[in-house]
C-alpha atoms as a PDB file:
ATOM      1  CA  MET A   1      -2.096 -16.011  14.684  1.00  0.00           C
ATOM      2  CA  GLU A   2      -3.391 -19.534  15.287  1.00  0.00           C
ATOM      3  CA  LEU A   3      -6.947 -18.362  14.732  1.00  0.00           C
ATOM      4  CA  ASP A   4      -6.300 -16.832  11.288  1.00  0.00           C
ATOM      5  CA  PRO A   5      -2.872 -17.693   9.747  1.00  0.00           C
ATOM      6  CA  GLU A   6      -3.743 -15.529   6.688  1.00  0.00           C
ATOM      7  CA  SER A   7      -4.259 -12.393   8.778  1.00  0.00           C
ATOM      8  CA  VAL A   8      -2.036  -9.428   8.164  1.00  0.00           C
ATOM      9  CA  LEU A   9      -3.047  -7.876  11.489  1.00  0.00           C
ATOM     10  CA  ALA A  10      -2.004 -10.740  13.782  1.00  0.00           C
ATOM     11  CA  PRO A  11       1.727 -10.938  12.874  1.00  0.00           C
ATOM     12  CA  LEU A  12       1.884  -7.125  12.658  1.00  0.00           C
ATOM     13  CA  SER A  13       0.486  -6.861  16.159  1.00  0.00           C
ATOM     14  CA  LEU A  14       3.026  -9.449  17.337  1.00  0.00           C
ATOM     15  CA  ALA A  15       5.829  -7.503  15.666  1.00  0.00           C
ATOM     16  CA  PHE A  16       4.593  -4.296  17.385  1.00  0.00           C
ATOM     17  CA  ALA A  17       4.490  -5.994  20.799  1.00  0.00           C
ATOM     18  CA  LEU A  18       8.044  -7.391  20.391  1.00  0.00           C
ATOM     19  CA  HIS A  19       9.340  -4.150  19.076  1.00  0.00           C
ATOM     20  CA  SER A  20       7.782  -2.128  21.909  1.00  0.00           C
ATOM     21  CA  GLN A  21       9.411  -4.496  24.441  1.00  0.00           C
ATOM     22  CA  GLY A  22      12.810  -3.870  22.882  1.00  0.00           C
ATOM     23  CA  GLN A  23      12.978  -7.278  21.272  1.00  0.00           C
ATOM     24  CA  TYR A  24      14.062  -5.887  17.917  1.00  0.00           C
ATOM     25  CA  GLU A  25      15.594  -8.998  16.469  1.00  0.00           C
ATOM     26  CA  GLU A  26      12.473 -11.035  17.325  1.00  0.00           C
ATOM     27  CA  ALA A  27      10.282  -8.235  15.778  1.00  0.00           C
ATOM     28  CA  LEU A  28      12.469  -8.396  12.636  1.00  0.00           C
ATOM     29  CA  ALA A  29      11.959 -12.102  12.253  1.00  0.00           C
ATOM     30  CA  VAL A  30       8.090 -11.778  12.611  1.00  0.00           C
ATOM     31  CA  THR A  31       8.037  -8.799  10.275  1.00  0.00           C
ATOM     32  CA  GLN A  32      10.186 -10.618   7.607  1.00  0.00           C
ATOM     33  CA  ALA A  33       7.903 -13.643   7.902  1.00  0.00           C
ATOM     34  CA  GLY A  34       4.922 -11.231   7.337  1.00  0.00           C
ATOM     35  CA  LEU A  35       6.544  -9.825   4.257  1.00  0.00           C
ATOM     36  CA  ALA A  36       6.527 -13.297   2.768  1.00  0.00           C
ATOM     37  CA  MET A  37       2.693 -12.953   2.570  1.00  0.00           C
ATOM     38  CA  PRO A  38       1.486 -11.894  -0.822  1.00  0.00           C
ATOM     39  CA  GLY A  39       1.921  -8.231  -1.637  1.00  0.00           C
ATOM     40  CA  ARG A  40       4.711  -7.116   0.740  1.00  0.00           C
ATOM     41  CA  HIS A  41       2.221  -5.108   2.757  1.00  0.00           C
ATOM     42  CA  PRO A  42       3.437  -1.501   3.248  1.00  0.00           C
ATOM     43  CA  MET A  43       2.702  -1.741   7.048  1.00  0.00           C
ATOM     44  CA  PHE A  44       5.156  -4.594   7.346  1.00  0.00           C
ATOM     45  CA  MET A  45       7.628  -2.614   5.400  1.00  0.00           C
ATOM     46  CA  ALA A  46       7.336   0.423   7.653  1.00  0.00           C
ATOM     47  CA  GLU A  47       7.745  -1.795  10.708  1.00  0.00           C
ATOM     48  CA  LEU A  48      10.725  -3.567   9.083  1.00  0.00           C
ATOM     49  CA  ALA A  49      12.418  -0.167   8.609  1.00  0.00           C
ATOM     50  CA  GLY A  50      11.796   0.796  12.200  1.00  0.00           C
ATOM     51  CA  SER A  51      13.139  -2.556  13.564  1.00  0.00           C
ATOM     52  CA  TYR A  52      16.219  -2.239  11.464  1.00  0.00           C
ATOM     53  CA  ALA A  53      16.839   1.215  12.700  1.00  0.00           C
ATOM     54  CA  ASP A  54      16.462   0.146  16.290  1.00  0.00           C
ATOM     55  CA  CYS A  55      18.877  -2.703  15.646  1.00  0.00           C
ATOM     56  CA  GLY A  56      21.434  -0.088  14.340  1.00  0.00           C
ATOM     57  CA  LYS A  57      20.984  -1.203  10.754  1.00  0.00           C
ATOM     58  CA  THR A  58      20.391   2.170   9.162  1.00  0.00           C
ATOM     59  CA  THR A  59      21.444   1.131   5.719  1.00  0.00           C
ATOM     60  CA  GLU A  60      18.829  -1.554   5.682  1.00  0.00           C
ATOM     61  CA  ALA A  61      16.249   0.812   6.966  1.00  0.00           C
ATOM     62  CA  GLN A  62      17.111   3.226   4.123  1.00  0.00           C
ATOM     63  CA  SER A  63      16.752   0.400   1.648  1.00  0.00           C
ATOM     64  CA  VAL A  64      13.262  -0.412   2.917  1.00  0.00           C
ATOM     65  CA  HIS A  65      12.329   3.246   2.670  1.00  0.00           C
ATOM     66  CA  ALA A  66      13.618   3.484  -0.878  1.00  0.00           C
ATOM     67  CA  GLU A  67      11.484   0.450  -1.766  1.00  0.00           C
ATOM     68  CA  LEU A  68       8.434   2.048  -0.355  1.00  0.00           C
ATOM     69  CA  LEU A  69       9.159   5.241  -2.260  1.00  0.00           C
ATOM     70  CA  ALA A  70       9.426   3.325  -5.439  1.00  0.00           C
ATOM     71  CA  ARG A  71       6.173   1.587  -4.699  1.00  0.00           C
ATOM     72  CA  ALA A  72       4.509   4.944  -3.948  1.00  0.00           C
ATOM     73  CA  ALA A  73       5.453   6.108  -7.398  1.00  0.00           C
ATOM     74  CA  ARG A  74       3.167   3.510  -8.915  1.00  0.00           C
ATOM     75  CA  GLU A  75       0.448   2.920  -6.326  1.00  0.00           C
ATOM     76  CA  TYR A  76      -0.998   4.431  -3.145  1.00  0.00           C
ATOM     77  CA  VAL A  77       1.225   4.147  -0.058  1.00  0.00           C
ATOM     78  CA  SER A  78       0.058   5.880   3.149  1.00  0.00           C
ATOM     79  CA  PRO A  79       2.050   9.018   3.820  1.00  0.00           C
ATOM     80  CA  PHE A  80       2.078   7.976   7.486  1.00  0.00           C
ATOM     81  CA  LEU A  81       3.991   4.780   6.545  1.00  0.00           C
ATOM     82  CA  LEU A  82       6.320   6.741   4.342  1.00  0.00           C
ATOM     83  CA  ALA A  83       6.987   9.162   7.271  1.00  0.00           C
ATOM     84  CA  LEU A  84       7.788   6.250   9.507  1.00  0.00           C
ATOM     85  CA  SER A  85      10.138   4.545   7.005  1.00  0.00           C
ATOM     86  CA  ALA A  86      11.819   7.870   6.257  1.00  0.00           C
ATOM     87  CA  ALA A  87      12.422   8.553   9.968  1.00  0.00           C
ATOM     88  CA  ALA A  88      13.784   5.051  10.455  1.00  0.00           C
ATOM     89  CA  GLY A  89      16.243   5.705   7.686  1.00  0.00           C
ATOM     90  CA  GLY A  90      17.348   9.007   9.147  1.00  0.00           C
ATOM     91  CA  GLU A  91      15.659  11.081   6.448  1.00  0.00           C
ATOM     92  CA  THR A  92      14.359  13.763   8.733  1.00  0.00           C
ATOM     93  CA  GLY A  93      13.213  16.236   6.069  1.00  0.00           C
ATOM     94  CA  ASP A  94      11.334  13.556   4.105  1.00  0.00           C
ATOM     95  CA  SER A  95       9.796  12.114   7.364  1.00  0.00           C
ATOM     96  CA  MET A  96       8.298  15.516   8.304  1.00  0.00           C
ATOM     97  CA  ARG A  97       7.157  16.161   4.771  1.00  0.00           C
ATOM     98  CA  PHE A  98       5.237  12.906   4.650  1.00  0.00           C
ATOM     99  CA  ALA A  99       3.967  13.426   8.239  1.00  0.00           C
ATOM    100  CA  ARG A 100       2.597  16.812   7.280  1.00  0.00           C
ATOM    101  CA  LEU A 101       0.998  15.281   4.168  1.00  0.00           C
ATOM    102  CA  ALA A 102      -0.580  12.474   6.303  1.00  0.00           C
ATOM    103  CA  CYS A 103      -2.069  15.214   8.492  1.00  0.00           C
ATOM    104  CA  GLU A 104      -3.294  17.277   5.561  1.00  0.00           C
ATOM    105  CA  ILE A 105      -5.053  14.469   3.824  1.00  0.00           C
ATOM    106  CA  ARG A 106      -6.295  13.041   7.137  1.00  0.00           C
ATOM    107  CA  ASP A 107      -4.587   9.644   6.449  1.00  0.00           C
ATOM    108  CA  PRO A 108      -6.702   7.173   8.333  1.00  0.00           C
ATOM    109  CA  GLN A 109      -3.705   5.259   9.488  1.00  0.00           C
ATOM    110  CA  LEU A 110      -2.435   8.171  11.522  1.00  0.00           C
ATOM    111  CA  PRO A 111      -5.137   8.285  14.194  1.00  0.00           C
ATOM    112  CA  VAL A 112      -5.509   4.465  14.206  1.00  0.00           C
ATOM    113  CA  PHE A 113      -1.816   3.641  14.581  1.00  0.00           C
ATOM    114  CA  GLY A 114      -0.154   6.983  15.283  1.00  0.00           C
ATOM    115  CA  LYS A 115      -0.178   6.761  19.012  1.00  0.00           C
ATOM    116  CA  TYR A 116       1.101   3.205  19.432  1.00  0.00           C
ATOM    117  CA  TRP A 117       3.276   2.493  16.372  1.00  0.00           C
ATOM    118  CA  PRO A 118       6.727   1.632  17.827  1.00  0.00           C
ATOM    119  CA  GLY A 119       8.547   4.022  15.479  1.00  0.00           C
ATOM    120  CA  ILE A 120       6.294   7.035  16.174  1.00  0.00           C
ATOM    121  CA  LYS A 121       8.874   8.301  18.696  1.00  0.00           C
ATOM    122  CA  ARG A 122      11.112   9.353  15.823  1.00  0.00           C
ATOM    123  CA  LEU A 123       8.377  11.570  14.334  1.00  0.00           C
ATOM    124  CA  ARG A 124       7.493  12.996  17.828  1.00  0.00           C
ATOM    125  CA  GLU A 125      11.099  14.258  18.138  1.00  0.00           C
ATOM    126  CA  ASP A 126      10.053  17.071  15.773  1.00  0.00           C
ATOM    127  CA  PRO A 127       7.865  19.603  17.482  1.00  0.00           C
ATOM    128  CA  GLY A 128       6.147  20.296  14.126  1.00  0.00           C
ATOM    129  CA  PHE A 129       4.709  16.845  14.130  1.00  0.00           C
ATOM    130  CA  ASP A 130       2.855  17.346  17.446  1.00  0.00           C
ATOM    131  CA  LYS A 131       1.592  20.676  16.103  1.00  0.00           C
ATOM    132  CA  SER A 132       0.213  18.988  13.018  1.00  0.00           C
ATOM    133  CA  LEU A 133      -1.459  16.360  15.188  1.00  0.00           C
ATOM    134  CA  ALA A 134      -3.043  19.038  17.289  1.00  0.00           C
ATOM    135  CA  GLY A 135      -4.403  20.612  14.083  1.00  0.00           C
ATOM    136  CA  MET A 136      -6.161  17.259  13.430  1.00  0.00           C
ATOM    137  CA  GLY A 137      -7.414  17.091  16.982  1.00  0.00           C
ATOM    138  CA  LEU A 138      -5.177  14.105  17.753  1.00  0.00           C
ATOM    139  CA  LYS A 139      -2.705  15.445  20.248  1.00  0.00           C
END
């Protein structure tokens, strides 16, 4: 983050690391700071939803998902990110629908981030998700 303060990837990586270590409140703080960057990047929003969910703040996770859905109505938002935010908000049907869409369109974020994204465990709880991944050669 010191090398490139304008980088989206650096704070997102830090948020992932903190989240993966169970430091959810710290991950929330980094993610919220990242959202202050121009554009409210959808990757930060999906991470925010997951951190909220893991802090037990389901209502906040649902609000983030609703914001991403509204954004997706007017511009492209990766179905993989929509699947993650839906799962964080407890929207199982929506999460699997978006996960299947991500597989169908070969969403490039799925193979790049799918294995290590902290919230991926919610999607993997559905056996259909692993089947879809296998269909893409990603299992």
